[in-house]
Amino acid sequence: MFPELREEISRLKIEDARFAKLFHRHNALDQEIKNSEASLLPAAQGTIETLKKEKLHLKDELYGILLKSRGM
């Protein structure tokens, strides 16, 4: 996620507890979605769609924090 902002992400994960929590939740959702789609974890299609929406919302929120931290 956002490879061009890798350094900023690393910094914020250390300095901003909220960012770190959101980032961790985003990664956990990503893994849960992958496992569900690979049938490693049983989940209804509606559940997977809900997880994807939450993940997208978190990504938008993380990006907003990144832009704000860069003064954009």
PDB file of N, CA and C in Angstrom:
ATOM      1  N   MET A   1       0.835  -1.172   0.000  1.00  0.00           N
ATOM      2  CA  MET A   1       0.000   0.000   0.000  1.00  0.00           C
ATOM      3  C   MET A   1       0.883   1.240   0.000  1.00  0.00           C
ATOM      4  N   PHE A   2       0.683   2.102  -0.943  1.00  0.00           N
ATOM      5  CA  PHE A   2       1.393   3.373  -1.088  1.00  0.00           C
ATOM      6  C   PHE A   2       2.917   3.209  -1.021  1.00  0.00           C
ATOM      7  N   PRO A   3       3.509   2.480  -1.947  1.00  0.00           N
ATOM      8  CA  PRO A   3       4.968   2.258  -1.894  1.00  0.00           C
ATOM      9  C   PRO A   3       5.775   3.549  -1.959  1.00  0.00           C
ATOM     10  N   GLU A   4       5.216   4.574  -2.593  1.00  0.00           N
ATOM     11  CA  GLU A   4       5.932   5.840  -2.704  1.00  0.00           C
ATOM     12  C   GLU A   4       5.981   6.585  -1.361  1.00  0.00           C
ATOM     13  N   LEU A   5       5.177   6.143  -0.409  1.00  0.00           N
ATOM     14  CA  LEU A   5       5.122   6.787   0.904  1.00  0.00           C
ATOM     15  C   LEU A   5       5.666   5.877   2.015  1.00  0.00           C
ATOM     16  N   ARG A   6       6.448   4.903   1.629  1.00  0.00           N
ATOM     17  CA  ARG A   6       6.948   3.897   2.572  1.00  0.00           C
ATOM     18  C   ARG A   6       7.651   4.516   3.781  1.00  0.00           C
ATOM     19  N   GLU A   7       8.513   5.500   3.554  1.00  0.00           N
ATOM     20  CA  GLU A   7       9.245   6.124   4.660  1.00  0.00           C
ATOM     21  C   GLU A   7       8.292   6.847   5.603  1.00  0.00           C
ATOM     22  N   GLU A   8       7.327   7.550   5.036  1.00  0.00           N
ATOM     23  CA  GLU A   8       6.351   8.274   5.843  1.00  0.00           C
ATOM     24  C   GLU A   8       5.498   7.301   6.648  1.00  0.00           C
ATOM     25  N   ILE A   9       5.126   6.189   6.043  1.00  0.00           N
ATOM     26  CA  ILE A   9       4.349   5.164   6.748  1.00  0.00           C
ATOM     27  C   ILE A   9       5.146   4.615   7.924  1.00  0.00           C
ATOM     28  N   SER A  10       6.411   4.302   7.701  1.00  0.00           N
ATOM     29  CA  SER A  10       7.260   3.786   8.775  1.00  0.00           C
ATOM     30  C   SER A  10       7.354   4.780   9.928  1.00  0.00           C
ATOM     31  N   ARG A  11       7.512   6.044   9.593  1.00  0.00           N
ATOM     32  CA  ARG A  11       7.617   7.083  10.619  1.00  0.00           C
ATOM     33  C   ARG A  11       6.319   7.200  11.406  1.00  0.00           C
ATOM     34  N   LEU A  12       5.204   7.245  10.695  1.00  0.00           N
ATOM     35  CA  LEU A  12       3.920   7.407  11.359  1.00  0.00           C
ATOM     36  C   LEU A  12       3.549   6.194  12.212  1.00  0.00           C
ATOM     37  N   LYS A  13       3.941   5.005  11.802  1.00  0.00           N
ATOM     38  CA  LYS A  13       3.658   3.820  12.612  1.00  0.00           C
ATOM     39  C   LYS A  13       4.357   3.912  13.966  1.00  0.00           C
ATOM     40  N   ILE A  14       5.472   4.600  14.010  1.00  0.00           N
ATOM     41  CA  ILE A  14       6.208   4.773  15.269  1.00  0.00           C
ATOM     42  C   ILE A  14       5.672   5.959  16.064  1.00  0.00           C
ATOM     43  N   GLU A  15       5.391   7.051  15.389  1.00  0.00           N
ATOM     44  CA  GLU A  15       5.060   8.304  16.061  1.00  0.00           C
ATOM     45  C   GLU A  15       3.573   8.538  16.306  1.00  0.00           C
ATOM     46  N   ASP A  16       2.702   7.859  15.583  1.00  0.00           N
ATOM     47  CA  ASP A  16       1.263   8.121  15.662  1.00  0.00           C
ATOM     48  C   ASP A  16       0.524   6.813  15.988  1.00  0.00           C
ATOM     49  N   ALA A  17       0.101   6.695  17.244  1.00  0.00           N
ATOM     50  CA  ALA A  17      -0.545   5.458  17.693  1.00  0.00           C
ATOM     51  C   ALA A  17      -1.831   5.170  16.914  1.00  0.00           C
ATOM     52  N   ARG A  18      -2.589   6.200  16.597  1.00  0.00           N
ATOM     53  CA  ARG A  18      -3.829   6.009  15.834  1.00  0.00           C
ATOM     54  C   ARG A  18      -3.523   5.475  14.440  1.00  0.00           C
ATOM     55  N   PHE A  19      -2.522   6.059  13.785  1.00  0.00           N
ATOM     56  CA  PHE A  19      -2.129   5.591  12.459  1.00  0.00           C
ATOM     57  C   PHE A  19      -1.696   4.134  12.539  1.00  0.00           C
ATOM     58  N   ALA A  20      -0.880   3.810  13.538  1.00  0.00           N
ATOM     59  CA  ALA A  20      -0.387   2.435  13.687  1.00  0.00           C
ATOM     60  C   ALA A  20      -1.546   1.458  13.872  1.00  0.00           C
ATOM     61  N   LYS A  21      -2.538   1.848  14.676  1.00  0.00           N
ATOM     62  CA  LYS A  21      -3.696   0.986  14.911  1.00  0.00           C
ATOM     63  C   LYS A  21      -4.487   0.782  13.621  1.00  0.00           C
ATOM     64  N   LEU A  22      -4.735   1.854  12.886  1.00  0.00           N
ATOM     65  CA  LEU A  22      -5.462   1.754  11.620  1.00  0.00           C
ATOM     66  C   LEU A  22      -4.694   0.909  10.609  1.00  0.00           C
ATOM     67  N   PHE A  23      -3.385   1.107  10.552  1.00  0.00           N
ATOM     68  CA  PHE A  23      -2.536   0.363   9.620  1.00  0.00           C
ATOM     69  C   PHE A  23      -2.579  -1.130   9.947  1.00  0.00           C
ATOM     70  N   HIS A  24      -2.487  -1.456  11.231  1.00  0.00           N
ATOM     71  CA  HIS A  24      -2.536  -2.855  11.652  1.00  0.00           C
ATOM     72  C   HIS A  24      -3.893  -3.472  11.305  1.00  0.00           C
ATOM     73  N   ARG A  25      -4.975  -2.743  11.549  1.00  0.00           N
ATOM     74  CA  ARG A  25      -6.316  -3.245  11.232  1.00  0.00           C
ATOM     75  C   ARG A  25      -6.474  -3.456   9.727  1.00  0.00           C
ATOM     76  N   HIS A  26      -5.942  -2.535   8.919  1.00  0.00           N
ATOM     77  CA  HIS A  26      -5.999  -2.668   7.466  1.00  0.00           C
ATOM     78  C   HIS A  26      -5.296  -3.956   7.024  1.00  0.00           C
ATOM     79  N   ASN A  27      -4.115  -4.203   7.569  1.00  0.00           N
ATOM     80  CA  ASN A  27      -3.367  -5.411   7.206  1.00  0.00           C
ATOM     81  C   ASN A  27      -4.079  -6.680   7.671  1.00  0.00           C
ATOM     82  N   ALA A  28      -4.683  -6.629   8.859  1.00  0.00           N
ATOM     83  CA  ALA A  28      -5.418  -7.789   9.367  1.00  0.00           C
ATOM     84  C   ALA A  28      -6.626  -8.085   8.475  1.00  0.00           C
ATOM     85  N   LEU A  29      -7.326  -7.047   8.055  1.00  0.00           N
ATOM     86  CA  LEU A  29      -8.462  -7.232   7.146  1.00  0.00           C
ATOM     87  C   LEU A  29      -8.007  -7.803   5.813  1.00  0.00           C
ATOM     88  N   ASP A  30      -6.900  -7.304   5.308  1.00  0.00           N
ATOM     89  CA  ASP A  30      -6.363  -7.795   4.040  1.00  0.00           C
ATOM     90  C   ASP A  30      -6.110  -9.296   4.126  1.00  0.00           C
ATOM     91  N   GLN A  31      -5.491  -9.732   5.209  1.00  0.00           N
ATOM     92  CA  GLN A  31      -5.202 -11.164   5.367  1.00  0.00           C
ATOM     93  C   GLN A  31      -6.487 -11.968   5.531  1.00  0.00           C
ATOM     94  N   GLU A  32      -7.434 -11.443   6.287  1.00  0.00           N
ATOM     95  CA  GLU A  32      -8.706 -12.132   6.480  1.00  0.00           C
ATOM     96  C   GLU A  32      -9.457 -12.287   5.155  1.00  0.00           C
ATOM     97  N   ILE A  33      -9.443 -11.248   4.341  1.00  0.00           N
ATOM     98  CA  ILE A  33     -10.099 -11.297   3.029  1.00  0.00           C
ATOM     99  C   ILE A  33      -9.417 -12.333   2.141  1.00  0.00           C
ATOM    100  N   LYS A  34      -8.093 -12.299   2.098  1.00  0.00           N
ATOM    101  CA  LYS A  34      -7.358 -13.274   1.283  1.00  0.00           C
ATOM    102  C   LYS A  34      -7.665 -14.701   1.724  1.00  0.00           C
ATOM    103  N   ASN A  35      -7.667 -14.942   3.031  1.00  0.00           N
ATOM    104  CA  ASN A  35      -7.956 -16.283   3.544  1.00  0.00           C
ATOM    105  C   ASN A  35      -9.384 -16.717   3.211  1.00  0.00           C
ATOM    106  N   SER A  36     -10.326 -15.785   3.326  1.00  0.00           N
ATOM    107  CA  SER A  36     -11.717 -16.112   3.018  1.00  0.00           C
ATOM    108  C   SER A  36     -11.887 -16.421   1.537  1.00  0.00           C
ATOM    109  N   GLU A  37     -11.260 -15.629   0.690  1.00  0.00           N
ATOM    110  CA  GLU A  37     -11.378 -15.852  -0.752  1.00  0.00           C
ATOM    111  C   GLU A  37     -10.678 -17.136  -1.190  1.00  0.00           C
ATOM    112  N   ALA A  38      -9.667 -17.534  -0.453  1.00  0.00           N
ATOM    113  CA  ALA A  38      -8.962 -18.785  -0.770  1.00  0.00           C
ATOM    114  C   ALA A  38      -9.609 -19.977  -0.064  1.00  0.00           C
ATOM    115  N   SER A  39     -10.744 -19.720   0.590  1.00  0.00           N
ATOM    116  CA  SER A  39     -11.509 -20.739   1.307  1.00  0.00           C
ATOM    117  C   SER A  39     -10.755 -21.311   2.499  1.00  0.00           C
ATOM    118  N   LEU A  40      -9.802 -20.575   3.027  1.00  0.00           N
ATOM    119  CA  LEU A  40      -9.118 -21.009   4.240  1.00  0.00           C
ATOM    120  C   LEU A  40      -9.955 -20.683   5.472  1.00  0.00           C
ATOM    121  N   LEU A  41     -10.747 -19.636   5.372  1.00  0.00           N
ATOM    122  CA  LEU A  41     -11.688 -19.257   6.427  1.00  0.00           C
ATOM    123  C   LEU A  41     -13.079 -19.205   5.798  1.00  0.00           C
ATOM    124  N   PRO A  42     -14.044 -19.904   6.379  1.00  0.00           N
ATOM    125  CA  PRO A  42     -15.387 -19.841   5.804  1.00  0.00           C
ATOM    126  C   PRO A  42     -16.009 -18.461   6.020  1.00  0.00           C
ATOM    127  N   ALA A  43     -16.583 -17.917   4.965  1.00  0.00           N
ATOM    128  CA  ALA A  43     -17.250 -16.622   5.062  1.00  0.00           C
ATOM    129  C   ALA A  43     -18.251 -16.486   3.924  1.00  0.00           C
ATOM    130  N   ALA A  44     -19.374 -15.885   4.232  1.00  0.00           N
ATOM    131  CA  ALA A  44     -20.381 -15.618   3.209  1.00  0.00           C
ATOM    132  C   ALA A  44     -19.892 -14.479   2.328  1.00  0.00           C
ATOM    133  N   GLN A  45     -20.347 -14.451   1.085  1.00  0.00           N
ATOM    134  CA  GLN A  45     -19.931 -13.399   0.153  1.00  0.00           C
ATOM    135  C   GLN A  45     -20.245 -12.010   0.699  1.00  0.00           C
ATOM    136  N   GLY A  46     -21.369 -11.861   1.361  1.00  0.00           N
ATOM    137  CA  GLY A  46     -21.731 -10.571   1.946  1.00  0.00           C
ATOM    138  C   GLY A  46     -20.745 -10.144   3.019  1.00  0.00           C
ATOM    139  N   THR A  47     -20.249 -11.096   3.765  1.00  0.00           N
ATOM    140  CA  THR A  47     -19.259 -10.813   4.799  1.00  0.00           C
ATOM    141  C   THR A  47     -17.959 -10.331   4.170  1.00  0.00           C
ATOM    142  N   ILE A  48     -17.551 -10.981   3.115  1.00  0.00           N
ATOM    143  CA  ILE A  48     -16.318 -10.581   2.423  1.00  0.00           C
ATOM    144  C   ILE A  48     -16.469  -9.165   1.873  1.00  0.00           C
ATOM    145  N   GLU A  49     -17.620  -8.864   1.295  1.00  0.00           N
ATOM    146  CA  GLU A  49     -17.853  -7.520   0.756  1.00  0.00           C
ATOM    147  C   GLU A  49     -17.803  -6.468   1.873  1.00  0.00           C
ATOM    148  N   THR A  50     -18.356  -6.786   3.023  1.00  0.00           N
ATOM    149  CA  THR A  50     -18.316  -5.871   4.166  1.00  0.00           C
ATOM    150  C   THR A  50     -16.879  -5.631   4.602  1.00  0.00           C
ATOM    151  N   LEU A  51     -16.088  -6.699   4.646  1.00  0.00           N
ATOM    152  CA  LEU A  51     -14.679  -6.571   5.022  1.00  0.00           C
ATOM    153  C   LEU A  51     -13.917  -5.702   4.014  1.00  0.00           C
ATOM    154  N   LYS A  52     -14.223  -5.896   2.745  1.00  0.00           N
ATOM    155  CA  LYS A  52     -13.561  -5.107   1.704  1.00  0.00           C
ATOM    156  C   LYS A  52     -13.918  -3.622   1.829  1.00  0.00           C
ATOM    157  N   LYS A  53     -15.161  -3.335   2.156  1.00  0.00           N
ATOM    158  CA  LYS A  53     -15.571  -1.937   2.331  1.00  0.00           C
ATOM    159  C   LYS A  53     -14.868  -1.312   3.526  1.00  0.00           C
ATOM    160  N   GLU A  54     -14.765  -2.066   4.610  1.00  0.00           N
ATOM    161  CA  GLU A  54     -14.058  -1.555   5.797  1.00  0.00           C
ATOM    162  C   GLU A  54     -12.586  -1.306   5.470  1.00  0.00           C
ATOM    163  N   LYS A  55     -11.988  -2.232   4.738  1.00  0.00           N
ATOM    164  CA  LYS A  55     -10.576  -2.094   4.356  1.00  0.00           C
ATOM    165  C   LYS A  55     -10.381  -0.850   3.487  1.00  0.00           C
ATOM    166  N   LEU A  56     -11.275  -0.626   2.550  1.00  0.00           N
ATOM    167  CA  LEU A  56     -11.179   0.548   1.686  1.00  0.00           C
ATOM    168  C   LEU A  56     -11.345   1.842   2.492  1.00  0.00           C
ATOM    169  N   HIS A  57     -12.272   1.827   3.432  1.00  0.00           N
ATOM    170  CA  HIS A  57     -12.460   2.998   4.292  1.00  0.00           C
ATOM    171  C   HIS A  57     -11.180   3.280   5.083  1.00  0.00           C
ATOM    172  N   LEU A  58     -10.560   2.241   5.628  1.00  0.00           N
ATOM    173  CA  LEU A  58      -9.316   2.417   6.373  1.00  0.00           C
ATOM    174  C   LEU A  58      -8.203   2.951   5.474  1.00  0.00           C
ATOM    175  N   LYS A  59      -8.141   2.439   4.249  1.00  0.00           N
ATOM    176  CA  LYS A  59      -7.114   2.904   3.316  1.00  0.00           C
ATOM    177  C   LYS A  59      -7.292   4.390   3.023  1.00  0.00           C
ATOM    178  N   ASP A  60      -8.532   4.815   2.821  1.00  0.00           N
ATOM    179  CA  ASP A  60      -8.807   6.238   2.596  1.00  0.00           C
ATOM    180  C   ASP A  60      -8.393   7.070   3.797  1.00  0.00           C
ATOM    181  N   GLU A  61      -8.708   6.578   4.983  1.00  0.00           N
ATOM    182  CA  GLU A  61      -8.359   7.294   6.204  1.00  0.00           C
ATOM    183  C   GLU A  61      -6.834   7.377   6.382  1.00  0.00           C
ATOM    184  N   LEU A  62      -6.157   6.275   6.128  1.00  0.00           N
ATOM    185  CA  LEU A  62      -4.690   6.258   6.219  1.00  0.00           C
ATOM    186  C   LEU A  62      -4.074   7.235   5.216  1.00  0.00           C
ATOM    187  N   TYR A  63      -4.598   7.253   4.012  1.00  0.00           N
ATOM    188  CA  TYR A  63      -4.072   8.151   2.987  1.00  0.00           C
ATOM    189  C   TYR A  63      -4.269   9.604   3.398  1.00  0.00           C
ATOM    190  N   GLY A  64      -5.426   9.907   3.980  1.00  0.00           N
ATOM    191  CA  GLY A  64      -5.664  11.265   4.461  1.00  0.00           C
ATOM    192  C   GLY A  64      -4.664  11.676   5.526  1.00  0.00           C
ATOM    193  N   ILE A  65      -4.362  10.773   6.439  1.00  0.00           N
ATOM    194  CA  ILE A  65      -3.372  11.060   7.480  1.00  0.00           C
ATOM    195  C   ILE A  65      -1.997  11.270   6.851  1.00  0.00           C
ATOM    196  N   LEU A  66      -1.653  10.442   5.874  1.00  0.00           N
ATOM    197  CA  LEU A  66      -0.369  10.585   5.191  1.00  0.00           C
ATOM    198  C   LEU A  66      -0.260  11.938   4.489  1.00  0.00           C
ATOM    199  N   LEU A  67      -1.305  12.326   3.792  1.00  0.00           N
ATOM    200  CA  LEU A  67      -1.284  13.624   3.100  1.00  0.00           C
ATOM    201  C   LEU A  67      -1.152  14.773   4.081  1.00  0.00           C
ATOM    202  N   LYS A  68      -1.893  14.690   5.165  1.00  0.00           N
ATOM    203  CA  LYS A  68      -1.837  15.733   6.188  1.00  0.00           C
ATOM    204  C   LYS A  68      -0.435  15.831   6.793  1.00  0.00           C
ATOM    205  N   SER A  69       0.185  14.698   7.034  1.00  0.00           N
ATOM    206  CA  SER A  69       1.522  14.701   7.647  1.00  0.00           C
ATOM    207  C   SER A  69       2.584  15.263   6.692  1.00  0.00           C
ATOM    208  N   ARG A  70       2.301  15.183   5.401  1.00  0.00           N
ATOM    209  CA  ARG A  70       3.238  15.710   4.405  1.00  0.00           C
ATOM    210  C   ARG A  70       2.915  17.157   4.037  1.00  0.00           C
ATOM    211  N   GLY A  71       1.882  17.717   4.687  1.00  0.00           N
ATOM    212  CA  GLY A  71       1.511  19.109   4.423  1.00  0.00           C
ATOM    213  C   GLY A  71       0.783  19.311   3.119  1.00  0.00           C
ATOM    214  N   MET A  72       0.124  18.299   2.631  1.00  0.00           N
ATOM    215  CA  MET A  72      -0.588  18.377   1.354  1.00  0.00           C
ATOM    216  C   MET A  72      -2.057  18.637   1.576  1.00  0.00           C
TER     217      MET A  72
END
